[in-house]
PDB file of N, CA and C in Angstrom:
ATOM      1  N   MET A   1     112.126 115.384 104.218  1.00  0.00           N
ATOM      2  CA  MET A   1     111.460 114.644 105.244  1.00  0.00           C
ATOM      3  C   MET A   1     112.333 114.514 106.495  1.00  0.00           C
ATOM      4  N   ASP A   2     113.600 114.323 106.268  1.00  0.00           N
ATOM      5  CA  ASP A   2     114.483 114.175 107.420  1.00  0.00           C
ATOM      6  C   ASP A   2     114.628 115.506 108.136  1.00  0.00           C
ATOM      7  N   GLY A   3     114.416 115.500 109.427  1.00  0.00           N
ATOM      8  CA  GLY A   3     114.560 116.682 110.242  1.00  0.00           C
ATOM      9  C   GLY A   3     113.321 117.549 110.309  1.00  0.00           C
ATOM     10  N   ALA A   4     112.266 117.159 109.645  1.00  0.00           N
ATOM     11  CA  ALA A   4     111.033 117.960 109.680  1.00  0.00           C
ATOM     12  C   ALA A   4     110.237 117.615 110.929  1.00  0.00           C
ATOM     13  N   THR A   5     109.651 118.640 111.518  1.00  0.00           N
ATOM     14  CA  THR A   5     108.795 118.404 112.672  1.00  0.00           C
ATOM     15  C   THR A   5     107.443 117.883 112.186  1.00  0.00           C
ATOM     16  N   ARG A   6     106.620 117.450 113.132  1.00  0.00           N
ATOM     17  CA  ARG A   6     105.289 116.954 112.762  1.00  0.00           C
ATOM     18  C   ARG A   6     104.453 118.051 112.112  1.00  0.00           C
ATOM     19  N   TRP A   7     104.567 119.270 112.615  1.00  0.00           N
ATOM     20  CA  TRP A   7     103.808 120.379 112.055  1.00  0.00           C
ATOM     21  C   TRP A   7     104.255 120.677 110.620  1.00  0.00           C
ATOM     22  N   GLN A   8     105.551 120.695 110.378  1.00  0.00           N
ATOM     23  CA  GLN A   8     106.055 120.944 109.028  1.00  0.00           C
ATOM     24  C   GLN A   8     105.646 119.824 108.078  1.00  0.00           C
ATOM     25  N   LEU A   9     105.669 118.603 108.549  1.00  0.00           N
ATOM     26  CA  LEU A   9     105.254 117.470 107.732  1.00  0.00           C
ATOM     27  C   LEU A   9     103.775 117.581 107.367  1.00  0.00           C
ATOM     28  N   PHE A  10     102.965 117.959 108.340  1.00  0.00           N
ATOM     29  CA  PHE A  10     101.539 118.125 108.061  1.00  0.00           C
ATOM     30  C   PHE A  10     101.302 119.277 107.094  1.00  0.00           C
ATOM     31  N   ARG A  11     101.962 120.404 107.351  1.00  0.00           N
ATOM     32  CA  ARG A  11     101.727 121.605 106.551  1.00  0.00           C
ATOM     33  C   ARG A  11     102.245 121.472 105.121  1.00  0.00           C
ATOM     34  N   ARG A  12     103.346 120.812 104.909  1.00  0.00           N
ATOM     35  CA  ARG A  12     103.972 120.746 103.588  1.00  0.00           C
ATOM     36  C   ARG A  12     103.603 119.498 102.792  1.00  0.00           C
ATOM     37  N   VAL A  13     103.176 118.410 103.470  1.00  0.00           N
ATOM     38  CA  VAL A  13     102.909 117.161 102.758  1.00  0.00           C
ATOM     39  C   VAL A  13     101.447 116.741 102.874  1.00  0.00           C
ATOM     40  N   VAL A  14     100.950 116.605 104.087  1.00  0.00           N
ATOM     41  CA  VAL A  14      99.616 116.049 104.285  1.00  0.00           C
ATOM     42  C   VAL A  14      98.520 117.014 103.863  1.00  0.00           C
ATOM     43  N   PHE A  15      98.584 118.248 104.304  1.00  0.00           N
ATOM     44  CA  PHE A  15      97.513 119.203 104.003  1.00  0.00           C
ATOM     45  C   PHE A  15      97.360 119.489 102.509  1.00  0.00           C
ATOM     46  N   PRO A  16      98.432 119.671 101.734  1.00  0.00           N
ATOM     47  CA  PRO A  16      98.228 119.857 100.289  1.00  0.00           C
ATOM     48  C   PRO A  16      97.557 118.665  99.612  1.00  0.00           C
ATOM     49  N   LEU A  17      97.806 117.469 100.114  1.00  0.00           N
ATOM     50  CA  LEU A  17      97.142 116.299  99.535  1.00  0.00           C
ATOM     51  C   LEU A  17      95.672 116.224  99.939  1.00  0.00           C
ATOM     52  N   LEU A  18      95.317 116.792 101.080  1.00  0.00           N
ATOM     53  CA  LEU A  18      93.924 116.794 101.535  1.00  0.00           C
ATOM     54  C   LEU A  18      93.132 118.006 101.045  1.00  0.00           C
ATOM     55  N   ALA A  19      93.774 118.968 100.421  1.00  0.00           N
ATOM     56  CA  ALA A  19      93.109 120.203 100.014  1.00  0.00           C
ATOM     57  C   ALA A  19      91.925 119.992  99.074  1.00  0.00           C
ATOM     58  N   PRO A  20      91.989 119.138  98.039  1.00  0.00           N
ATOM     59  CA  PRO A  20      90.810 118.954  97.185  1.00  0.00           C
ATOM     60  C   PRO A  20      89.609 118.392  97.935  1.00  0.00           C
ATOM     61  N   VAL A  21      89.832 117.432  98.805  1.00  0.00           N
ATOM     62  CA  VAL A  21      88.734 116.840  99.570  1.00  0.00           C
ATOM     63  C   VAL A  21      88.178 117.850 100.564  1.00  0.00           C
ATOM     64  N   THR A  22      89.048 118.621 101.183  1.00  0.00           N
ATOM     65  CA  THR A  22      88.616 119.638 102.129  1.00  0.00           C
ATOM     66  C   THR A  22      87.766 120.695 101.425  1.00  0.00           C
ATOM     67  N   THR A  23      88.142 121.085 100.223  1.00  0.00           N
ATOM     68  CA  THR A  23      87.360 122.059  99.463  1.00  0.00           C
ATOM     69  C   THR A  23      85.972 121.528  99.157  1.00  0.00           C
ATOM     70  N   ILE A  24      85.876 120.277  98.731  1.00  0.00           N
ATOM     71  CA  ILE A  24      84.577 119.677  98.422  1.00  0.00           C
ATOM     72  C   ILE A  24      83.698 119.637  99.660  1.00  0.00           C
ATOM     73  N   ILE A  25      84.249 119.237 100.778  1.00  0.00           N
ATOM     74  CA  ILE A  25      83.471 119.133 102.018  1.00  0.00           C
ATOM     75  C   ILE A  25      82.968 120.499 102.462  1.00  0.00           C
ATOM     76  N   ILE A  26      83.797 121.519 102.380  1.00  0.00           N
ATOM     77  CA  ILE A  26      83.386 122.859 102.804  1.00  0.00           C
ATOM     78  C   ILE A  26      82.290 123.404 101.902  1.00  0.00           C
ATOM     79  N   VAL A  27      82.440 123.254 100.595  1.00  0.00           N
ATOM     80  CA  VAL A  27      81.436 123.778  99.665  1.00  0.00           C
ATOM     81  C   VAL A  27      80.115 123.054  99.826  1.00  0.00           C
ATOM     82  N   ILE A  28      80.136 121.748  99.946  1.00  0.00           N
ATOM     83  CA  ILE A  28      78.892 120.991 100.124  1.00  0.00           C
ATOM     84  C   ILE A  28      78.248 121.318 101.467  1.00  0.00           C
ATOM     85  N   SER A  29      79.058 121.541 102.485  1.00  0.00           N
ATOM     86  CA  SER A  29      78.503 121.893 103.796  1.00  0.00           C
ATOM     87  C   SER A  29      77.844 123.266 103.787  1.00  0.00           C
ATOM     88  N   ILE A  30      78.280 124.147 102.911  1.00  0.00           N
ATOM     89  CA  ILE A  30      77.662 125.464 102.813  1.00  0.00           C
ATOM     90  C   ILE A  30      76.417 125.427 101.935  1.00  0.00           C
ATOM     91  N   ILE A  31      76.464 124.695 100.824  1.00  0.00           N
ATOM     92  CA  ILE A  31      75.339 124.660  99.891  1.00  0.00           C
ATOM     93  C   ILE A  31      74.184 123.822 100.420  1.00  0.00           C
ATOM     94  N   ASP A  32      74.451 122.771 101.144  1.00  0.00           N
ATOM     95  CA  ASP A  32      73.385 121.870 101.611  1.00  0.00           C
ATOM     96  C   ASP A  32      72.334 122.558 102.484  1.00  0.00           C
ATOM     97  N   PRO A  33      72.696 123.403 103.438  1.00  0.00           N
ATOM     98  CA  PRO A  33      71.636 124.092 104.196  1.00  0.00           C
ATOM     99  C   PRO A  33      70.793 125.047 103.343  1.00  0.00           C
ATOM    100  N   LEU A  34      71.338 125.525 102.242  1.00  0.00           N
ATOM    101  CA  LEU A  34      70.546 126.382 101.366  1.00  0.00           C
ATOM    102  C   LEU A  34      69.448 125.596 100.653  1.00  0.00           C
ATOM    103  N   ARG A  35      69.631 124.290 100.526  1.00  0.00           N
ATOM    104  CA  ARG A  35      68.657 123.454  99.852  1.00  0.00           C
ATOM    105  C   ARG A  35      67.782 122.668 100.835  1.00  0.00           C
ATOM    106  N   ALA A  36      67.731 123.035 102.076  1.00  0.00           N
ATOM    107  CA  ALA A  36      67.058 122.262 103.123  1.00  0.00           C
ATOM    108  C   ALA A  36      65.558 122.528 103.180  1.00  0.00           C
ATOM    109  N   PHE A  37      64.920 122.672 102.048  1.00  0.00           N
ATOM    110  CA  PHE A  37      63.498 122.984 102.014  1.00  0.00           C
ATOM    111  C   PHE A  37      62.647 121.811 102.476  1.00  0.00           C
ATOM    112  N   ASP A  38      62.939 120.614 101.998  1.00  0.00           N
ATOM    113  CA  ASP A  38      62.058 119.473 102.231  1.00  0.00           C
ATOM    114  C   ASP A  38      61.926 119.099 103.700  1.00  0.00           C
ATOM    115  N   LEU A  39      63.029 119.065 104.427  1.00  0.00           N
ATOM    116  CA  LEU A  39      62.957 118.696 105.844  1.00  0.00           C
ATOM    117  C   LEU A  39      62.195 119.725 106.669  1.00  0.00           C
ATOM    118  N   VAL A  40      62.460 120.994 106.413  1.00  0.00           N
ATOM    119  CA  VAL A  40      61.791 122.054 107.170  1.00  0.00           C
ATOM    120  C   VAL A  40      60.305 122.077 106.844  1.00  0.00           C
ATOM    121  N   GLN A  41      59.954 121.920 105.583  1.00  0.00           N
ATOM    122  CA  GLN A  41      58.559 121.975 105.185  1.00  0.00           C
ATOM    123  C   GLN A  41      57.770 120.797 105.758  1.00  0.00           C
ATOM    124  N   ILE A  42      58.328 119.622 105.734  1.00  0.00           N
ATOM    125  CA  ILE A  42      57.616 118.440 106.219  1.00  0.00           C
ATOM    126  C   ILE A  42      57.512 118.435 107.741  1.00  0.00           C
ATOM    127  N   MET A  43      58.579 118.794 108.423  1.00  0.00           N
ATOM    128  CA  MET A  43      58.585 118.648 109.879  1.00  0.00           C
ATOM    129  C   MET A  43      57.940 119.825 110.613  1.00  0.00           C
ATOM    130  N   THR A  44      58.248 121.066 110.222  1.00  0.00           N
ATOM    131  CA  THR A  44      57.788 122.189 111.046  1.00  0.00           C
ATOM    132  C   THR A  44      57.057 123.283 110.278  1.00  0.00           C
ATOM    133  N   ARG A  45      57.162 123.289 108.953  1.00  0.00           N
ATOM    134  CA  ARG A  45      56.604 124.356 108.110  1.00  0.00           C
ATOM    135  C   ARG A  45      57.068 125.740 108.571  1.00  0.00           C
ATOM    136  N   GLY A  46      58.307 125.825 108.947  1.00  0.00           N
ATOM    137  CA  GLY A  46      58.866 127.102 109.391  1.00  0.00           C
ATOM    138  C   GLY A  46      58.895 127.257 110.887  1.00  0.00           C
ATOM    139  N   GLY A  47      58.279 126.360 111.593  1.00  0.00           N
ATOM    140  CA  GLY A  47      58.330 126.379 113.045  1.00  0.00           C
ATOM    141  C   GLY A  47      57.480 127.455 113.674  1.00  0.00           C
ATOM    142  N   PRO A  48      57.416 127.449 114.982  1.00  0.00           N
ATOM    143  CA  PRO A  48      56.656 128.490 115.672  1.00  0.00           C
ATOM    144  C   PRO A  48      57.335 129.849 115.489  1.00  0.00           C
ATOM    145  N   ALA A  49      56.610 130.782 114.946  1.00  0.00           N
ATOM    146  CA  ALA A  49      57.080 132.154 114.712  1.00  0.00           C
ATOM    147  C   ALA A  49      58.298 132.195 113.801  1.00  0.00           C
ATOM    148  N   GLY A  50      58.409 131.233 112.879  1.00  0.00           N
ATOM    149  CA  GLY A  50      59.500 131.227 111.910  1.00  0.00           C
ATOM    150  C   GLY A  50      60.857 130.884 112.477  1.00  0.00           C
ATOM    151  N   SER A  51      60.908 130.161 113.586  1.00  0.00           N
ATOM    152  CA  SER A  51      62.186 129.884 114.232  1.00  0.00           C
ATOM    153  C   SER A  51      63.059 128.909 113.448  1.00  0.00           C
ATOM    154  N   SER A  52      62.459 128.026 112.649  1.00  0.00           N
ATOM    155  CA  SER A  52      63.265 127.097 111.854  1.00  0.00           C
ATOM    156  C   SER A  52      63.117 127.371 110.363  1.00  0.00           C
ATOM    157  N   ASN A  53      62.789 128.576 110.009  1.00  0.00           N
ATOM    158  CA  ASN A  53      62.602 128.946 108.615  1.00  0.00           C
ATOM    159  C   ASN A  53      63.956 129.095 107.934  1.00  0.00           C
ATOM    160  N   VAL A  54      64.081 128.542 106.737  1.00  0.00           N
ATOM    161  CA  VAL A  54      65.278 128.702 105.919  1.00  0.00           C
ATOM    162  C   VAL A  54      64.887 129.477 104.670  1.00  0.00           C
ATOM    163  N   LEU A  55      65.872 129.884 103.885  1.00  0.00           N
ATOM    164  CA  LEU A  55      65.616 130.747 102.738  1.00  0.00           C
ATOM    165  C   LEU A  55      64.716 130.068 101.700  1.00  0.00           C
ATOM    166  N   ALA A  56      64.921 128.787 101.432  1.00  0.00           N
ATOM    167  CA  ALA A  56      64.094 128.080 100.452  1.00  0.00           C
ATOM    168  C   ALA A  56      62.648 127.963 100.941  1.00  0.00           C
ATOM    169  N   ASN A  57      62.454 127.719 102.214  1.00  0.00           N
ATOM    170  CA  ASN A  57      61.101 127.636 102.770  1.00  0.00           C
ATOM    171  C   ASN A  57      60.430 129.013 102.762  1.00  0.00           C
ATOM    172  N   PHE A  58      61.182 130.048 103.048  1.00  0.00           N
ATOM    173  CA  PHE A  58      60.651 131.408 103.006  1.00  0.00           C
ATOM    174  C   PHE A  58      60.217 131.768 101.588  1.00  0.00           C
ATOM    175  N   MET A  59      60.993 131.336 100.603  1.00  0.00           N
ATOM    176  CA  MET A  59      60.647 131.576  99.208  1.00  0.00           C
ATOM    177  C   MET A  59      59.318 130.903  98.867  1.00  0.00           C
ATOM    178  N   TYR A  60      59.152 129.663  99.271  1.00  0.00           N
ATOM    179  CA  TYR A  60      57.914 128.926  99.005  1.00  0.00           C
ATOM    180  C   TYR A  60      56.719 129.586  99.697  1.00  0.00           C
ATOM    181  N   MET A  61      56.897 129.976 100.944  1.00  0.00           N
ATOM    182  CA  MET A  61      55.795 130.589 101.692  1.00  0.00           C
ATOM    183  C   MET A  61      55.360 131.912 101.059  1.00  0.00           C
ATOM    184  N   GLU A  62      56.327 132.721 100.659  1.00  0.00           N
ATOM    185  CA  GLU A  62      55.976 134.002 100.057  1.00  0.00           C
ATOM    186  C   GLU A  62      55.307 133.821  98.696  1.00  0.00           C
ATOM    187  N   ALA A  63      55.804 132.889  97.898  1.00  0.00           N
ATOM    188  CA  ALA A  63      55.276 132.732  96.544  1.00  0.00           C
ATOM    189  C   ALA A  63      53.914 132.047  96.534  1.00  0.00           C
ATOM    190  N   PHE A  64      53.748 130.967  97.270  1.00  0.00           N
ATOM    191  CA  PHE A  64      52.543 130.156  97.137  1.00  0.00           C
ATOM    192  C   PHE A  64      51.525 130.342  98.255  1.00  0.00           C
ATOM    193  N   ASN A  65      51.948 130.698  99.427  1.00  0.00           N
ATOM    194  CA  ASN A  65      50.985 130.918 100.512  1.00  0.00           C
ATOM    195  C   ASN A  65      50.511 132.372 100.561  1.00  0.00           C
ATOM    196  N   ASN A  66      51.420 133.310 100.312  1.00  0.00           N
ATOM    197  CA  ASN A  66      51.060 134.724 100.357  1.00  0.00           C
ATOM    198  C   ASN A  66      50.763 135.301  98.975  1.00  0.00           C
ATOM    199  N   TYR A  67      50.892 134.475  97.919  1.00  0.00           N
ATOM    200  CA  TYR A  67      50.604 134.854  96.531  1.00  0.00           C
ATOM    201  C   TYR A  67      51.414 136.062  96.074  1.00  0.00           C
ATOM    202  N   GLN A  68      52.660 136.140  96.523  1.00  0.00           N
ATOM    203  CA  GLN A  68      53.573 137.193  96.076  1.00  0.00           C
ATOM    204  C   GLN A  68      54.653 136.538  95.221  1.00  0.00           C
ATOM    205  N   MET A  69      54.285 136.247  93.978  1.00  0.00           N
ATOM    206  CA  MET A  69      55.172 135.506  93.078  1.00  0.00           C
ATOM    207  C   MET A  69      56.451 136.279  92.754  1.00  0.00           C
ATOM    208  N   GLY A  70      56.357 137.575  92.588  1.00  0.00           N
ATOM    209  CA  GLY A  70      57.546 138.378  92.284  1.00  0.00           C
ATOM    210  C   GLY A  70      58.544 138.372  93.421  1.00  0.00           C
ATOM    211  N   TYR A  71      58.041 138.493  94.641  1.00  0.00           N
ATOM    212  CA  TYR A  71      58.917 138.473  95.809  1.00  0.00           C
ATOM    213  C   TYR A  71      59.548 137.090  95.979  1.00  0.00           C
ATOM    214  N   GLY A  72      58.761 136.045  95.743  1.00  0.00           N
ATOM    215  CA  GLY A  72      59.302 134.685  95.807  1.00  0.00           C
ATOM    216  C   GLY A  72      60.362 134.452  94.746  1.00  0.00           C
ATOM    217  N   ALA A  73      60.136 134.998  93.537  1.00  0.00           N
ATOM    218  CA  ALA A  73      61.125 134.860  92.469  1.00  0.00           C
ATOM    219  C   ALA A  73      62.406 135.613  92.798  1.00  0.00           C
ATOM    220  N   SER A  74      62.281 136.773  93.427  1.00  0.00           N
ATOM    221  CA  SER A  74      63.485 137.519  93.792  1.00  0.00           C
ATOM    222  C   SER A  74      64.264 136.802  94.896  1.00  0.00           C
ATOM    223  N   ILE A  75      63.569 136.147  95.802  1.00  0.00           N
ATOM    224  CA  ILE A  75      64.255 135.345  96.824  1.00  0.00           C
ATOM    225  C   ILE A  75      64.974 134.174  96.164  1.00  0.00           C
ATOM    226  N   ALA A  76      64.344 133.582  95.138  1.00  0.00           N
ATOM    227  CA  ALA A  76      64.979 132.478  94.411  1.00  0.00           C
ATOM    228  C   ALA A  76      66.249 132.947  93.699  1.00  0.00           C
ATOM    229  N   VAL A  77      66.234 134.149  93.162  1.00  0.00           N
ATOM    230  CA  VAL A  77      67.426 134.690  92.501  1.00  0.00           C
ATOM    231  C   VAL A  77      68.543 134.914  93.518  1.00  0.00           C
ATOM    232  N   VAL A  78      68.202 135.415  94.688  1.00  0.00           N
ATOM    233  CA  VAL A  78      69.206 135.611  95.741  1.00  0.00           C
ATOM    234  C   VAL A  78      69.770 134.264  96.192  1.00  0.00           C
ATOM    235  N   LEU A  79      68.913 133.274  96.365  1.00  0.00           N
ATOM    236  CA  LEU A  79      69.358 131.930  96.748  1.00  0.00           C
ATOM    237  C   LEU A  79      70.281 131.345  95.681  1.00  0.00           C
ATOM    238  N   PHE A  80      69.922 131.527  94.427  1.00  0.00           N
ATOM    239  CA  PHE A  80      70.764 131.060  93.329  1.00  0.00           C
ATOM    240  C   PHE A  80      72.109 131.778  93.320  1.00  0.00           C
ATOM    241  N   SER A  81      72.106 133.073  93.562  1.00  0.00           N
ATOM    242  CA  SER A  81      73.348 133.855  93.557  1.00  0.00           C
ATOM    243  C   SER A  81      74.290 133.416  94.668  1.00  0.00           C
ATOM    244  N   ILE A  82      73.734 133.172  95.845  1.00  0.00           N
ATOM    245  CA  ILE A  82      74.561 132.703  96.961  1.00  0.00           C
ATOM    246  C   ILE A  82      75.169 131.347  96.634  1.00  0.00           C
ATOM    247  N   SER A  83      74.358 130.449  96.086  1.00  0.00           N
ATOM    248  CA  SER A  83      74.862 129.127  95.712  1.00  0.00           C
ATOM    249  C   SER A  83      75.906 129.232  94.610  1.00  0.00           C
ATOM    250  N   LEU A  84      75.683 130.124  93.648  1.00  0.00           N
ATOM    251  CA  LEU A  84      76.594 130.262  92.522  1.00  0.00           C
ATOM    252  C   LEU A  84      77.980 130.719  92.960  1.00  0.00           C
ATOM    253  N   VAL A  85      78.044 131.572  93.961  1.00  0.00           N
ATOM    254  CA  VAL A  85      79.349 132.035  94.457  1.00  0.00           C
ATOM    255  C   VAL A  85      80.169 130.852  94.963  1.00  0.00           C
ATOM    256  N   PHE A  86      79.548 129.985  95.745  1.00  0.00           N
ATOM    257  CA  PHE A  86      80.285 128.849  96.292  1.00  0.00           C
ATOM    258  C   PHE A  86      80.576 127.789  95.230  1.00  0.00           C
ATOM    259  N   ILE A  87      79.672 127.622  94.280  1.00  0.00           N
ATOM    260  CA  ILE A  87      79.912 126.670  93.203  1.00  0.00           C
ATOM    261  C   ILE A  87      81.061 127.144  92.316  1.00  0.00           C
ATOM    262  N   MET A  88      81.107 128.437  92.019  1.00  0.00           N
ATOM    263  CA  MET A  88      82.202 128.970  91.206  1.00  0.00           C
ATOM    264  C   MET A  88      83.537 128.846  91.935  1.00  0.00           C
ATOM    265  N   PHE A  89      83.541 129.065  93.248  1.00  0.00           N
ATOM    266  CA  PHE A  89      84.769 128.873  94.028  1.00  0.00           C
ATOM    267  C   PHE A  89      85.233 127.423  93.936  1.00  0.00           C
ATOM    268  N   TYR A  90      84.292 126.499  94.055  1.00  0.00           N
ATOM    269  CA  TYR A  90      84.630 125.078  93.965  1.00  0.00           C
ATOM    270  C   TYR A  90      85.172 124.732  92.584  1.00  0.00           C
ATOM    271  N   LEU A  91      84.507 125.191  91.525  1.00  0.00           N
ATOM    272  CA  LEU A  91      84.975 124.899  90.173  1.00  0.00           C
ATOM    273  C   LEU A  91      86.338 125.527  89.902  1.00  0.00           C
ATOM    274  N   TRP A  92      86.578 126.716  90.449  1.00  0.00           N
ATOM    275  CA  TRP A  92      87.877 127.348  90.286  1.00  0.00           C
ATOM    276  C   TRP A  92      88.973 126.510  90.948  1.00  0.00           C
ATOM    277  N   GLN A  93      88.678 125.990  92.142  1.00  0.00           N
ATOM    278  CA  GLN A  93      89.653 125.142  92.834  1.00  0.00           C
ATOM    279  C   GLN A  93      89.914 123.860  92.058  1.00  0.00           C
ATOM    280  N   VAL A  94      88.868 123.262  91.518  1.00  0.00           N
ATOM    281  CA  VAL A  94      89.026 122.016  90.770  1.00  0.00           C
ATOM    282  C   VAL A  94      89.829 122.259  89.492  1.00  0.00           C
ATOM    283  N   MET A  95      89.515 123.329  88.773  1.00  0.00           N
ATOM    284  CA  MET A  95      90.242 123.620  87.541  1.00  0.00           C
ATOM    285  C   MET A  95      91.722 123.933  87.820  1.00  0.00           C
ATOM    286  N   LYS A  96      91.976 124.605  88.933  1.00  0.00           N
ATOM    287  CA  LYS A  96      93.359 124.904  89.288  1.00  0.00           C
ATOM    288  C   LYS A  96      94.132 123.632  89.580  1.00  0.00           C
ATOM    289  N   SER A  97      93.516 122.691  90.264  1.00  0.00           N
ATOM    290  CA  SER A  97      94.203 121.441  90.579  1.00  0.00           C
ATOM    291  C   SER A  97      94.309 120.542  89.355  1.00  0.00           C
ATOM    292  N   GLU A  98      93.369 120.639  88.409  1.00  0.00           N
ATOM    293  CA  GLU A  98      93.446 119.848  87.190  1.00  0.00           C
ATOM    294  C   GLU A  98      94.610 120.309  86.318  1.00  0.00           C
ATOM    295  N   LEU A  99      94.888 121.585  86.282  1.00  0.00           N
ATOM    296  CA  LEU A  99      95.966 122.095  85.456  1.00  0.00           C
ATOM    297  C   LEU A  99      97.335 121.737  86.005  1.00  0.00           C
ATOM    298  N   GLU A 100      97.437 121.519  87.302  1.00  0.00           N
ATOM    299  CA  GLU A 100      98.719 121.182  87.901  1.00  0.00           C
ATOM    300  C   GLU A 100      99.160 119.775  87.576  1.00  0.00           C
ATOM    301  N   TYR A 101      98.226 118.865  87.414  1.00  0.00           N
ATOM    302  CA  TYR A 101      98.615 117.471  87.241  1.00  0.00           C
ATOM    303  C   TYR A 101      98.743 117.135  85.801  1.00  0.00           C
TER     304      TYR A 101
END
């Protein structure tokens, strides 16, 4: 601690202690827009010319409005796969930090 600059103190002490919280915030910030079906559906239903369409809303529109259940199911699998990548990254980070302590 003695003789360390503010940057070294932040990089070696503060940031490692904030890493678990930072990981949670980043993963939740990425996964939350993937689940934003309810707000888009209630407020705009995809907006004019699909300007506010998200993947979950597109899945619903294709499956239930256009009666293309297979295409809607494949969109759901892609949405699940994208979410799974970030969830696995988060779980890997948590397990790594659990083993250290």
